[in-house]
PDB file of N, CA and C in Angstrom:
ATOM      1  N   MET A   1     -11.820  16.079  45.014  1.00  0.00           N
ATOM      2  CA  MET A   1     -12.443  14.798  44.733  1.00  0.00           C
ATOM      3  C   MET A   1     -11.511  13.897  43.916  1.00  0.00           C
ATOM      4  N   ILE A   2     -10.963  14.443  42.811  1.00  0.00           N
ATOM      5  CA  ILE A   2     -10.055  13.655  41.964  1.00  0.00           C
ATOM      6  C   ILE A   2      -8.800  13.292  42.738  1.00  0.00           C
ATOM      7  N   ASN A   3      -8.290  14.238  43.531  1.00  0.00           N
ATOM      8  CA  ASN A   3      -7.102  13.948  44.327  1.00  0.00           C
ATOM      9  C   ASN A   3      -7.368  12.838  45.337  1.00  0.00           C
ATOM     10  N   LEU A   4      -8.536  12.841  45.929  1.00  0.00           N
ATOM     11  CA  LEU A   4      -8.897  11.812  46.900  1.00  0.00           C
ATOM     12  C   LEU A   4      -8.973  10.443  46.221  1.00  0.00           C
ATOM     13  N   LEU A   5      -9.607  10.385  45.040  1.00  0.00           N
ATOM     14  CA  LEU A   5      -9.678   9.129  44.288  1.00  0.00           C
ATOM     15  C   LEU A   5      -8.282   8.650  43.870  1.00  0.00           C
ATOM     16  N   TRP A   6      -7.455   9.594  43.432  1.00  0.00           N
ATOM     17  CA  TRP A   6      -6.100   9.228  43.011  1.00  0.00           C
ATOM     18  C   TRP A   6      -5.314   8.667  44.186  1.00  0.00           C
ATOM     19  N   LYS A   7      -5.398   9.329  45.335  1.00  0.00           N
ATOM     20  CA  LYS A   7      -4.678   8.854  46.518  1.00  0.00           C
ATOM     21  C   LYS A   7      -5.169   7.489  46.962  1.00  0.00           C
ATOM     22  N   LYS A   8      -6.459   7.270  46.875  1.00  0.00           N
ATOM     23  CA  LYS A   8      -7.040   6.024  47.360  1.00  0.00           C
ATOM     24  C   LYS A   8      -6.849   4.863  46.378  1.00  0.00           C
ATOM     25  N   TYR A   9      -6.911   5.143  45.077  1.00  0.00           N
ATOM     26  CA  TYR A   9      -6.892   4.071  44.069  1.00  0.00           C
ATOM     27  C   TYR A   9      -5.781   4.213  43.034  1.00  0.00           C
ATOM     28  N   SER A  10      -4.737   4.944  43.311  1.00  0.00           N
ATOM     29  CA  SER A  10      -3.677   5.162  42.327  1.00  0.00           C
ATOM     30  C   SER A  10      -3.013   3.852  41.896  1.00  0.00           C
ATOM     31  N   TYR A  11      -2.811   2.950  42.822  1.00  0.00           N
ATOM     32  CA  TYR A  11      -2.178   1.674  42.461  1.00  0.00           C
ATOM     33  C   TYR A  11      -3.055   0.873  41.500  1.00  0.00           C
ATOM     34  N   VAL A  12      -4.354   0.936  41.655  1.00  0.00           N
ATOM     35  CA  VAL A  12      -5.272   0.221  40.762  1.00  0.00           C
ATOM     36  C   VAL A  12      -5.229   0.840  39.372  1.00  0.00           C
ATOM     37  N   MET A  13      -5.233   2.168  39.312  1.00  0.00           N
ATOM     38  CA  MET A  13      -5.185   2.849  38.022  1.00  0.00           C
ATOM     39  C   MET A  13      -3.872   2.576  37.303  1.00  0.00           C
ATOM     40  N   ILE A  14      -2.784   2.613  38.032  1.00  0.00           N
ATOM     41  CA  ILE A  14      -1.477   2.335  37.428  1.00  0.00           C
ATOM     42  C   ILE A  14      -1.418   0.893  36.935  1.00  0.00           C
ATOM     43  N   LEU A  15      -1.893  -0.049  37.750  1.00  0.00           N
ATOM     44  CA  LEU A  15      -1.916  -1.455  37.348  1.00  0.00           C
ATOM     45  C   LEU A  15      -2.771  -1.650  36.096  1.00  0.00           C
ATOM     46  N   PHE A  16      -3.908  -0.972  36.031  1.00  0.00           N
ATOM     47  CA  PHE A  16      -4.780  -1.069  34.869  1.00  0.00           C
ATOM     48  C   PHE A  16      -4.087  -0.537  33.618  1.00  0.00           C
ATOM     49  N   ILE A  17      -3.451   0.617  33.726  1.00  0.00           N
ATOM     50  CA  ILE A  17      -2.768   1.225  32.577  1.00  0.00           C
ATOM     51  C   ILE A  17      -1.621   0.343  32.106  1.00  0.00           C
ATOM     52  N   VAL A  18      -0.826  -0.170  33.051  1.00  0.00           N
ATOM     53  CA  VAL A  18       0.294  -1.057  32.683  1.00  0.00           C
ATOM     54  C   VAL A  18      -0.236  -2.332  32.026  1.00  0.00           C
ATOM     55  N   SER A  19      -1.328  -2.879  32.553  1.00  0.00           N
ATOM     56  CA  SER A  19      -1.917  -4.089  31.966  1.00  0.00           C
ATOM     57  C   SER A  19      -2.407  -3.835  30.545  1.00  0.00           C
ATOM     58  N   MET A  20      -3.019  -2.699  30.318  1.00  0.00           N
ATOM     59  CA  MET A  20      -3.492  -2.358  28.976  1.00  0.00           C
ATOM     60  C   MET A  20      -2.325  -2.221  28.000  1.00  0.00           C
ATOM     61  N   ILE A  21      -1.282  -1.548  28.420  1.00  0.00           N
ATOM     62  CA  ILE A  21      -0.100  -1.380  27.556  1.00  0.00           C
ATOM     63  C   ILE A  21       0.510  -2.735  27.250  1.00  0.00           C
ATOM     64  N   PHE A  22       0.634  -3.588  28.252  1.00  0.00           N
ATOM     65  CA  PHE A  22       1.189  -4.929  28.053  1.00  0.00           C
ATOM     66  C   PHE A  22       0.319  -5.739  27.093  1.00  0.00           C
ATOM     67  N   GLY A  23      -1.002  -5.673  27.284  1.00  0.00           N
ATOM     68  CA  GLY A  23      -1.911  -6.414  26.413  1.00  0.00           C
ATOM     69  C   GLY A  23      -1.839  -5.963  24.968  1.00  0.00           C
ATOM     70  N   ILE A  24      -1.796  -4.675  24.746  1.00  0.00           N
ATOM     71  CA  ILE A  24      -1.700  -4.141  23.383  1.00  0.00           C
ATOM     72  C   ILE A  24      -0.371  -4.533  22.754  1.00  0.00           C
ATOM     73  N   THR A  25       0.696  -4.454  23.536  1.00  0.00           N
ATOM     74  CA  THR A  25       2.015  -4.854  23.033  1.00  0.00           C
ATOM     75  C   THR A  25       2.023  -6.323  22.635  1.00  0.00           C
ATOM     76  N   MET A  26       1.479  -7.176  23.459  1.00  0.00           N
ATOM     77  CA  MET A  26       1.438  -8.613  23.149  1.00  0.00           C
ATOM     78  C   MET A  26       0.583  -8.888  21.916  1.00  0.00           C
ATOM     79  N   LEU A  27      -0.482  -8.148  21.755  1.00  0.00           N
ATOM     80  CA  LEU A  27      -1.346  -8.318  20.589  1.00  0.00           C
ATOM     81  C   LEU A  27      -0.576  -8.061  19.300  1.00  0.00           C
ATOM     82  N   PHE A  28       0.194  -6.973  19.265  1.00  0.00           N
ATOM     83  CA  PHE A  28       0.951  -6.647  18.068  1.00  0.00           C
ATOM     84  C   PHE A  28       2.134  -7.573  17.862  1.00  0.00           C
ATOM     85  N   MET A  29       2.712  -8.081  18.921  1.00  0.00           N
ATOM     86  CA  MET A  29       3.873  -8.957  18.792  1.00  0.00           C
ATOM     87  C   MET A  29       3.485 -10.352  18.332  1.00  0.00           C
ATOM     88  N   THR A  30       2.285 -10.803  18.630  1.00  0.00           N
ATOM     89  CA  THR A  30       1.873 -12.162  18.286  1.00  0.00           C
ATOM     90  C   THR A  30       1.028 -12.219  17.026  1.00  0.00           C
ATOM     91  N   GLU A  31       0.867 -11.123  16.349  1.00  0.00           N
ATOM     92  CA  GLU A  31       0.007 -11.044  15.179  1.00  0.00           C
ATOM     93  C   GLU A  31       0.354 -12.069  14.104  1.00  0.00           C
ATOM     94  N   ASP A  32       1.638 -12.211  13.761  1.00  0.00           N
ATOM     95  CA  ASP A  32       2.052 -13.081  12.657  1.00  0.00           C
ATOM     96  C   ASP A  32       2.741 -14.352  13.135  1.00  0.00           C
ATOM     97  N   LYS A  33       2.501 -14.780  14.334  1.00  0.00           N
ATOM     98  CA  LYS A  33       3.192 -15.943  14.878  1.00  0.00           C
ATOM     99  C   LYS A  33       2.795 -17.238  14.174  1.00  0.00           C
ATOM    100  N   ASP A  34       1.670 -17.271  13.526  1.00  0.00           N
ATOM    101  CA  ASP A  34       1.214 -18.491  12.887  1.00  0.00           C
ATOM    102  C   ASP A  34       1.845 -18.712  11.525  1.00  0.00           C
ATOM    103  N   GLU A  35       2.736 -17.843  11.142  1.00  0.00           N
ATOM    104  CA  GLU A  35       3.321 -17.914   9.823  1.00  0.00           C
ATOM    105  C   GLU A  35       4.380 -19.019   9.772  1.00  0.00           C
ATOM    106  N   SER A  36       4.254 -19.911   8.833  1.00  0.00           N
ATOM    107  CA  SER A  36       5.224 -20.974   8.633  1.00  0.00           C
ATOM    108  C   SER A  36       5.920 -20.739   7.307  1.00  0.00           C
ATOM    109  N   PHE A  37       7.208 -20.973   7.296  1.00  0.00           N
ATOM    110  CA  PHE A  37       7.995 -20.767   6.089  1.00  0.00           C
ATOM    111  C   PHE A  37       8.648 -22.069   5.656  1.00  0.00           C
ATOM    112  N   MET A  38       8.994 -22.123   4.392  1.00  0.00           N
ATOM    113  CA  MET A  38       9.583 -23.303   3.795  1.00  0.00           C
ATOM    114  C   MET A  38      11.077 -23.398   4.117  1.00  0.00           C
ATOM    115  N   ILE A  39      11.542 -24.612   4.344  1.00  0.00           N
ATOM    116  CA  ILE A  39      12.969 -24.881   4.493  1.00  0.00           C
ATOM    117  C   ILE A  39      13.399 -25.626   3.235  1.00  0.00           C
ATOM    118  N   ILE A  40      14.446 -25.127   2.613  1.00  0.00           N
ATOM    119  CA  ILE A  40      14.944 -25.773   1.395  1.00  0.00           C
ATOM    120  C   ILE A  40      16.374 -26.240   1.612  1.00  0.00           C
ATOM    121  N   VAL A  41      16.796 -27.181   0.798  1.00  0.00           N
ATOM    122  CA  VAL A  41      18.182 -27.635   0.782  1.00  0.00           C
ATOM    123  C   VAL A  41      18.836 -27.009  -0.445  1.00  0.00           C
ATOM    124  N   VAL A  42      19.961 -26.354  -0.228  1.00  0.00           N
ATOM    125  CA  VAL A  42      20.672 -25.674  -1.309  1.00  0.00           C
ATOM    126  C   VAL A  42      21.284 -26.716  -2.239  1.00  0.00           C
ATOM    127  N   ASN A  43      21.094 -26.524  -3.530  1.00  0.00           N
ATOM    128  CA  ASN A  43      21.674 -27.402  -4.548  1.00  0.00           C
ATOM    129  C   ASN A  43      22.954 -26.784  -5.093  1.00  0.00           C
ATOM    130  N   GLU A  44      23.750 -27.598  -5.740  1.00  0.00           N
ATOM    131  CA  GLU A  44      24.987 -27.125  -6.370  1.00  0.00           C
ATOM    132  C   GLU A  44      24.647 -26.013  -7.365  1.00  0.00           C
ATOM    133  N   GLY A  45      25.347 -24.907  -7.269  1.00  0.00           N
ATOM    134  CA  GLY A  45      25.152 -23.791  -8.183  1.00  0.00           C
ATOM    135  C   GLY A  45      24.109 -22.778  -7.732  1.00  0.00           C
ATOM    136  N   ASP A  46      23.367 -23.084  -6.662  1.00  0.00           N
ATOM    137  CA  ASP A  46      22.371 -22.134  -6.154  1.00  0.00           C
ATOM    138  C   ASP A  46      23.056 -20.924  -5.530  1.00  0.00           C
ATOM    139  N   THR A  47      22.455 -19.769  -5.730  1.00  0.00           N
ATOM    140  CA  THR A  47      22.875 -18.541  -5.058  1.00  0.00           C
ATOM    141  C   THR A  47      21.620 -17.930  -4.444  1.00  0.00           C
ATOM    142  N   LEU A  48      21.807 -16.990  -3.550  1.00  0.00           N
ATOM    143  CA  LEU A  48      20.631 -16.326  -2.979  1.00  0.00           C
ATOM    144  C   LEU A  48      19.833 -15.621  -4.072  1.00  0.00           C
ATOM    145  N   TRP A  49      20.543 -15.068  -5.041  1.00  0.00           N
ATOM    146  CA  TRP A  49      19.875 -14.386  -6.150  1.00  0.00           C
ATOM    147  C   TRP A  49      19.056 -15.376  -6.978  1.00  0.00           C
ATOM    148  N   SER A  50      19.633 -16.541  -7.278  1.00  0.00           N
ATOM    149  CA  SER A  50      18.898 -17.527  -8.087  1.00  0.00           C
ATOM    150  C   SER A  50      17.697 -18.082  -7.320  1.00  0.00           C
ATOM    151  N   LEU A  51      17.837 -18.220  -5.991  1.00  0.00           N
ATOM    152  CA  LEU A  51      16.695 -18.669  -5.188  1.00  0.00           C
ATOM    153  C   LEU A  51      15.592 -17.615  -5.188  1.00  0.00           C
ATOM    154  N   ALA A  52      15.976 -16.342  -5.123  1.00  0.00           N
ATOM    155  CA  ALA A  52      14.989 -15.255  -5.173  1.00  0.00           C
ATOM    156  C   ALA A  52      14.242 -15.289  -6.495  1.00  0.00           C
ATOM    157  N   GLU A  53      14.944 -15.584  -7.577  1.00  0.00           N
ATOM    158  CA  GLU A  53      14.300 -15.690  -8.893  1.00  0.00           C
ATOM    159  C   GLU A  53      13.426 -16.935  -8.978  1.00  0.00           C
ATOM    160  N   GLN A  54      13.935 -18.051  -8.462  1.00  0.00           N
ATOM    161  CA  GLN A  54      13.218 -19.323  -8.537  1.00  0.00           C
ATOM    162  C   GLN A  54      11.883 -19.265  -7.790  1.00  0.00           C
ATOM    163  N   TYR A  55      11.863 -18.600  -6.639  1.00  0.00           N
ATOM    164  CA  TYR A  55      10.653 -18.534  -5.827  1.00  0.00           C
ATOM    165  C   TYR A  55       9.923 -17.195  -5.967  1.00  0.00           C
ATOM    166  N   ALA A  56      10.219 -16.429  -7.011  1.00  0.00           N
ATOM    167  CA  ALA A  56       9.651 -15.090  -7.205  1.00  0.00           C
ATOM    168  C   ALA A  56       8.119 -15.100  -7.219  1.00  0.00           C
ATOM    169  N   GLU A  57       7.524 -16.132  -7.790  1.00  0.00           N
ATOM    170  CA  GLU A  57       6.070 -16.209  -7.894  1.00  0.00           C
ATOM    171  C   GLU A  57       5.413 -16.493  -6.547  1.00  0.00           C
ATOM    172  N   GLN A  58       6.201 -16.969  -5.581  1.00  0.00           N
ATOM    173  CA  GLN A  58       5.628 -17.401  -4.306  1.00  0.00           C
ATOM    174  C   GLN A  58       5.874 -16.431  -3.156  1.00  0.00           C
ATOM    175  N   HIS A  59       6.528 -15.322  -3.425  1.00  0.00           N
ATOM    176  CA  HIS A  59       6.723 -14.306  -2.389  1.00  0.00           C
ATOM    177  C   HIS A  59       6.471 -12.937  -3.005  1.00  0.00           C
ATOM    178  N   HIS A  60       6.238 -11.975  -2.158  1.00  0.00           N
ATOM    179  CA  HIS A  60       5.917 -10.632  -2.649  1.00  0.00           C
ATOM    180  C   HIS A  60       6.991  -9.656  -2.206  1.00  0.00           C
ATOM    181  N   MET A  61       8.218  -9.944  -2.588  1.00  0.00           N
ATOM    182  CA  MET A  61       9.360  -9.111  -2.237  1.00  0.00           C
ATOM    183  C   MET A  61      10.193  -8.877  -3.480  1.00  0.00           C
ATOM    184  N   THR A  62      11.002  -7.831  -3.415  1.00  0.00           N
ATOM    185  CA  THR A  62      11.995  -7.681  -4.473  1.00  0.00           C
ATOM    186  C   THR A  62      13.077  -8.725  -4.221  1.00  0.00           C
ATOM    187  N   LYS A  63      13.914  -8.946  -5.188  1.00  0.00           N
ATOM    188  CA  LYS A  63      14.995  -9.914  -5.002  1.00  0.00           C
ATOM    189  C   LYS A  63      15.921  -9.494  -3.861  1.00  0.00           C
ATOM    190  N   THR A  64      16.189  -8.206  -3.774  1.00  0.00           N
ATOM    191  CA  THR A  64      17.052  -7.697  -2.706  1.00  0.00           C
ATOM    192  C   THR A  64      16.409  -7.914  -1.343  1.00  0.00           C
ATOM    193  N   GLU A  65      15.116  -7.648  -1.221  1.00  0.00           N
ATOM    194  CA  GLU A  65      14.412  -7.876   0.049  1.00  0.00           C
ATOM    195  C   GLU A  65      14.415  -9.353   0.414  1.00  0.00           C
ATOM    196  N   PHE A  66      14.206 -10.219  -0.584  1.00  0.00           N
ATOM    197  CA  PHE A  66      14.238 -11.666  -0.371  1.00  0.00           C
ATOM    198  C   PHE A  66      15.598 -12.071   0.188  1.00  0.00           C
ATOM    199  N   ILE A  67      16.668 -11.617  -0.438  1.00  0.00           N
ATOM    200  CA  ILE A  67      18.025 -11.965  -0.009  1.00  0.00           C
ATOM    201  C   ILE A  67      18.292 -11.463   1.402  1.00  0.00           C
ATOM    202  N   GLN A  68      17.902 -10.231   1.690  1.00  0.00           N
ATOM    203  CA  GLN A  68      18.116  -9.687   3.033  1.00  0.00           C
ATOM    204  C   GLN A  68      17.325 -10.468   4.078  1.00  0.00           C
ATOM    205  N   TRP A  69      16.105 -10.867   3.752  1.00  0.00           N
ATOM    206  CA  TRP A  69      15.285 -11.652   4.675  1.00  0.00           C
ATOM    207  C   TRP A  69      15.958 -12.990   4.957  1.00  0.00           C
ATOM    208  N   VAL A  70      16.412 -13.671   3.901  1.00  0.00           N
ATOM    209  CA  VAL A  70      17.067 -14.973   4.058  1.00  0.00           C
ATOM    210  C   VAL A  70      18.347 -14.824   4.883  1.00  0.00           C
ATOM    211  N   GLN A  71      19.119 -13.780   4.607  1.00  0.00           N
ATOM    212  CA  GLN A  71      20.347 -13.552   5.369  1.00  0.00           C
ATOM    213  C   GLN A  71      20.042 -13.334   6.850  1.00  0.00           C
ATOM    214  N   GLN A  72      19.020 -12.559   7.142  1.00  0.00           N
ATOM    215  CA  GLN A  72      18.691 -12.261   8.535  1.00  0.00           C
ATOM    216  C   GLN A  72      18.162 -13.503   9.248  1.00  0.00           C
ATOM    217  N   LYS A  73      17.196 -14.181   8.673  1.00  0.00           N
ATOM    218  CA  LYS A  73      16.561 -15.326   9.336  1.00  0.00           C
ATOM    219  C   LYS A  73      17.495 -16.518   9.473  1.00  0.00           C
ATOM    220  N   ASN A  74      18.466 -16.627   8.567  1.00  0.00           N
ATOM    221  CA  ASN A  74      19.396 -17.755   8.612  1.00  0.00           C
ATOM    222  C   ASN A  74      20.743 -17.362   9.210  1.00  0.00           C
ATOM    223  N   GLU A  75      20.805 -16.132   9.723  1.00  0.00           N
ATOM    224  CA  GLU A  75      22.011 -15.612  10.368  1.00  0.00           C
ATOM    225  C   GLU A  75      23.244 -15.752   9.465  1.00  0.00           C
ATOM    226  N   LEU A  76      23.078 -15.335   8.212  1.00  0.00           N
ATOM    227  CA  LEU A  76      24.178 -15.353   7.258  1.00  0.00           C
ATOM    228  C   LEU A  76      24.861 -13.993   7.267  1.00  0.00           C
ATOM    229  N   LYS A  77      26.116 -13.967   6.962  1.00  0.00           N
ATOM    230  CA  LYS A  77      26.845 -12.703   6.845  1.00  0.00           C
ATOM    231  C   LYS A  77      26.362 -11.981   5.595  1.00  0.00           C
ATOM    232  N   THR A  78      26.545 -10.664   5.531  1.00  0.00           N
ATOM    233  CA  THR A  78      26.056  -9.904   4.382  1.00  0.00           C
ATOM    234  C   THR A  78      26.742 -10.321   3.085  1.00  0.00           C
ATOM    235  N   SER A  79      27.980 -10.770   3.159  1.00  0.00           N
ATOM    236  CA  SER A  79      28.665 -11.250   1.953  1.00  0.00           C
ATOM    237  C   SER A  79      28.608 -12.779   1.921  1.00  0.00           C
ATOM    238  N   SER A  80      27.453 -13.305   2.284  1.00  0.00           N
ATOM    239  CA  SER A  80      27.323 -14.741   2.485  1.00  0.00           C
ATOM    240  C   SER A  80      27.398 -15.533   1.191  1.00  0.00           C
ATOM    241  N   VAL A  81      28.014 -16.675   1.314  1.00  0.00           N
ATOM    242  CA  VAL A  81      28.064 -17.652   0.246  1.00  0.00           C
ATOM    243  C   VAL A  81      27.346 -18.880   0.781  1.00  0.00           C
ATOM    244  N   ILE A  82      26.444 -19.420  -0.008  1.00  0.00           N
ATOM    245  CA  ILE A  82      25.743 -20.626   0.424  1.00  0.00           C
ATOM    246  C   ILE A  82      26.353 -21.811  -0.303  1.00  0.00           C
ATOM    247  N   HIS A  83      26.300 -22.946   0.339  1.00  0.00           N
ATOM    248  CA  HIS A  83      26.926 -24.152  -0.210  1.00  0.00           C
ATOM    249  C   HIS A  83      25.885 -25.248  -0.388  1.00  0.00           C
ATOM    250  N   ALA A  84      26.128 -26.111  -1.343  1.00  0.00           N
ATOM    251  CA  ALA A  84      25.237 -27.243  -1.584  1.00  0.00           C
ATOM    252  C   ALA A  84      25.115 -28.054  -0.304  1.00  0.00           C
ATOM    253  N   GLY A  85      23.890 -28.422   0.027  1.00  0.00           N
ATOM    254  CA  GLY A  85      23.631 -29.191   1.242  1.00  0.00           C
ATOM    255  C   GLY A  85      23.182 -28.335   2.420  1.00  0.00           C
ATOM    256  N   ASN A  86      23.444 -27.029   2.358  1.00  0.00           N
ATOM    257  CA  ASN A  86      22.954 -26.141   3.426  1.00  0.00           C
ATOM    258  C   ASN A  86      21.429 -26.140   3.411  1.00  0.00           C
ATOM    259  N   THR A  87      20.837 -25.924   4.569  1.00  0.00           N
ATOM    260  CA  THR A  87      19.389 -25.737   4.630  1.00  0.00           C
ATOM    261  C   THR A  87      19.117 -24.267   4.928  1.00  0.00           C
ATOM    262  N   LEU A  88      18.123 -23.723   4.272  1.00  0.00           N
ATOM    263  CA  LEU A  88      17.763 -22.323   4.443  1.00  0.00           C
ATOM    264  C   LEU A  88      16.262 -22.191   4.648  1.00  0.00           C
ATOM    265  N   VAL A  89      15.885 -21.284   5.528  1.00  0.00           N
ATOM    266  CA  VAL A  89      14.490 -20.897   5.662  1.00  0.00           C
ATOM    267  C   VAL A  89      14.281 -19.767   4.662  1.00  0.00           C
ATOM    268  N   ILE A  90      13.252 -19.890   3.843  1.00  0.00           N
ATOM    269  CA  ILE A  90      12.978 -18.857   2.842  1.00  0.00           C
ATOM    270  C   ILE A  90      11.580 -18.285   3.075  1.00  0.00           C
ATOM    271  N   PRO A  91      11.348 -17.030   2.669  1.00  0.00           N
ATOM    272  CA  PRO A  91      10.061 -16.375   2.929  1.00  0.00           C
ATOM    273  C   PRO A  91       8.957 -16.796   1.968  1.00  0.00           C
ATOM    274  N   VAL A  92       8.753 -18.097   1.893  1.00  0.00           N
ATOM    275  CA  VAL A  92       7.675 -18.666   1.096  1.00  0.00           C
ATOM    276  C   VAL A  92       6.814 -19.439   2.072  1.00  0.00           C
ATOM    277  N   LYS A  93       5.539 -19.120   2.104  1.00  0.00           N
ATOM    278  CA  LYS A  93       4.653 -19.785   3.052  1.00  0.00           C
ATOM    279  C   LYS A  93       4.604 -21.280   2.763  1.00  0.00           C
ATOM    280  N   ALA A  94       4.754 -22.030   3.824  1.00  0.00           N
ATOM    281  CA  ALA A  94       4.712 -23.480   3.711  1.00  0.00           C
ATOM    282  C   ALA A  94       3.276 -23.909   3.448  1.00  0.00           C
ATOM    283  N   THR A  95       3.136 -24.875   2.582  1.00  0.00           N
ATOM    284  CA  THR A  95       1.816 -25.424   2.293  1.00  0.00           C
ATOM    285  C   THR A  95       1.818 -26.897   2.638  1.00  0.00           C
ATOM    286  N   ILE A  96       0.672 -27.418   2.912  1.00  0.00           N
ATOM    287  CA  ILE A  96       0.559 -28.820   3.313  1.00  0.00           C
ATOM    288  C   ILE A  96       0.965 -29.753   2.187  1.00  0.00           C
ATOM    289  N   ASP A  97       0.747 -29.373   0.941  1.00  0.00           N
ATOM    290  CA  ASP A  97       1.054 -30.254  -0.176  1.00  0.00           C
ATOM    291  C   ASP A  97       2.479 -30.104  -0.690  1.00  0.00           C
ATOM    292  N   SER A  98       3.343 -29.402   0.017  1.00  0.00           N
ATOM    293  CA  SER A  98       4.743 -29.271  -0.389  1.00  0.00           C
ATOM    294  C   SER A  98       5.493 -30.517   0.043  1.00  0.00           C
ATOM    295  N   SER A  99       5.470 -31.540  -0.777  1.00  0.00           N
ATOM    296  CA  SER A  99       6.011 -32.838  -0.380  1.00  0.00           C
ATOM    297  C   SER A  99       7.537 -32.887  -0.380  1.00  0.00           C
ATOM    298  N   HIS A 100       8.204 -31.983  -1.069  1.00  0.00           N
ATOM    299  CA  HIS A 100       9.660 -32.040  -1.143  1.00  0.00           C
ATOM    300  C   HIS A 100      10.327 -31.048  -0.212  1.00  0.00           C
ATOM    301  N   HIS A 101       9.568 -30.380   0.604  1.00  0.00           N
ATOM    302  CA  HIS A 101      10.122 -29.340   1.462  1.00  0.00           C
ATOM    303  C   HIS A 101       9.695 -29.555   2.909  1.00  0.00           C
ATOM    304  N   GLN A 102      10.489 -29.007   3.807  1.00  0.00           N
ATOM    305  CA  GLN A 102      10.138 -29.007   5.222  1.00  0.00           C
ATOM    306  C   GLN A 102       9.548 -27.653   5.551  1.00  0.00           C
ATOM    307  N   PHE A 103       9.005 -27.534   6.756  1.00  0.00           N
ATOM    308  CA  PHE A 103       8.410 -26.279   7.188  1.00  0.00           C
ATOM    309  C   PHE A 103       9.207 -25.703   8.339  1.00  0.00           C
ATOM    310  N   ALA A 104       9.237 -24.390   8.422  1.00  0.00           N
ATOM    311  CA  ALA A 104       9.896 -23.696   9.522  1.00  0.00           C
ATOM    312  C   ALA A 104       8.894 -22.749  10.151  1.00  0.00           C
ATOM    313  N   TYR A 105       8.886 -22.698  11.452  1.00  0.00           N
ATOM    314  CA  TYR A 105       7.987 -21.801  12.176  1.00  0.00           C
ATOM    315  C   TYR A 105       8.770 -20.563  12.546  1.00  0.00           C
ATOM    316  N   ASP A 106       8.263 -19.388  12.199  1.00  0.00           N
ATOM    317  CA  ASP A 106       8.937 -18.139  12.498  1.00  0.00           C
ATOM    318  C   ASP A 106       8.472 -17.629  13.841  1.00  0.00           C
ATOM    319  N   SER A 107       9.313 -17.762  14.851  1.00  0.00           N
ATOM    320  CA  SER A 107       8.939 -17.331  16.191  1.00  0.00           C
ATOM    321  C   SER A 107       9.513 -15.979  16.546  1.00  0.00           C
ATOM    322  N   THR A 108      10.129 -15.286  15.576  1.00  0.00           N
ATOM    323  CA  THR A 108      10.747 -13.998  15.879  1.00  0.00           C
ATOM    324  C   THR A 108       9.850 -12.831  15.569  1.00  0.00           C
ATOM    325  N   GLN A 109       8.714 -13.038  14.987  1.00  0.00           N
ATOM    326  CA  GLN A 109       7.842 -11.926  14.628  1.00  0.00           C
ATOM    327  C   GLN A 109       6.874 -11.632  15.724  1.00  0.00           C
TER     328      GLN A 109
END
């Protein structure tokens, strides 16, 4: 009986299983897509470490995690030096009342 059903409807069962796997995968991949992050302009004398300290109250990372996140999202080298005038996306959620900052949409999560 099971063999007969499998032979007759195997393509439907396979399509259903593949669709379920695809749906679950998409669900987990799009979970945090609505997250917007702040874009800042680097000032003279700023370092990734000083930015991590400056925005410490607004993110829940260690300074090292903050720096690694900024390096990855901004495609900086591990021994990166930032310069005044550069723009950086930082892991601080953008708020509507942030009048001095721009917003960045994170589409990689």
